[in-house]
Structure formats: structure tokens, C-alpha cells
Amino acid sequence: MRPRLLALLGVVALGGLASGAAVAWKARQRRAVVVQPMAFNHKRHLAEDMKCLDCHKGADKQAQAGAPTVKQCMLCHEEAKGTHPDEPKVREYAARGEAIPWIQVNRLGHDAYFSHVAHVNFAKMDCAECHGDMKDQTEPVTRPQITQLDMDRCMRCHKEKGASNDCLRCHQ
């Protein structure tokens, strides 16, 4: 039997489990607020004419968008830039040779695959379509902003953009 047919039969047979997984994923998305290691003001950085890809390197080249590295931050923050008490922490992390331990808050369920490069480059999507408009965000991201990302929304978007809705496209 062909692998795709077997996978489809498995999905049909385990339909109840799939809906349970969706409920578990939504519950995980509403998890408690995390405490980030330092303050970060997207609004201030975007007002400096920075773009998402300036800090989230790789979103246009790989599956993972990635968090800003200390090296990237130090391009602008080698000298003090403001008066916020957390701003010197960038230089402290750099002096210790440590990464800023940002906590990732946006996660898909373990059964779903998402590629930033496919959505940014091939689908020509703007980051705000999933992450919301960050230009007014003055605090670091402490909870998922992607609260409406579920299979219905993804499949609707795939249909609108002419992308495949084959189950194995995202569930590998």
C-alpha cells in the first residue's frame, strides 16, 4: 500500500485522537506568561526603520526564524543607546560571551511542520499575518501571539494562496 494512503487511513482511524491533539495544542498556546531575560521594545526598534529580518535572521532562508543574537544586538548597542535599566544587559551578555536566553513562546504542536522560508519567500507573506503587528509592542513577547493559528486557518490560507492542502505537506 502506498505511504500516503496508509497515512490517510491512519488519520481517518485516529480522527478522535487528532481532535484531542488540536485541543491539547490550543491549551499549550494559552500556557502561562513567561518572563523574558530582559525588556525588549519592538515599537522602538521598528521606529528606527528596522525590519523583522534584521533581528530574526534566517526567517527568509530556513525553517526557523531564530531569535536575535548578542552579536546582532551589539551592532547597535556597543555603546549605551537609551536609559532603560535593562539596556546594559546586552553588553553584559556579550562581555560574558553568553547568548541572551530568550524563551520561545510561539510553538506548533509536535505533529506539525512549519517553514518560515516557505511562507516568507515562496508565499510572500508578511510576518504580521501570523505574528500580528509588532509596531506597537513595547514589551517583550511573553505569550504566543499566534493564538488563531489552527488547521482551519492554515488550510483556508493555503487554499487562498494556491498551496497544497495535502496532509503530509505539514504533518511529516
Foldseek 3Di string as FASTA:
>chain_A
DDPLVVVVVVCVVCVVVVVVLQVVQLVLLVDDFADFPFWDFLQVVVVVVDALCLAQPCLQPWQGSDGGWLVSVCVPLVDPDDDPPRSCVSVVCVVVVHTRPGDDADDGPPQWGGGSNCCCPVLVDGPCVQQNDRNRGGGDGGGGSRSPDDLVVVVVVCVVSVHDPRVVVTGD
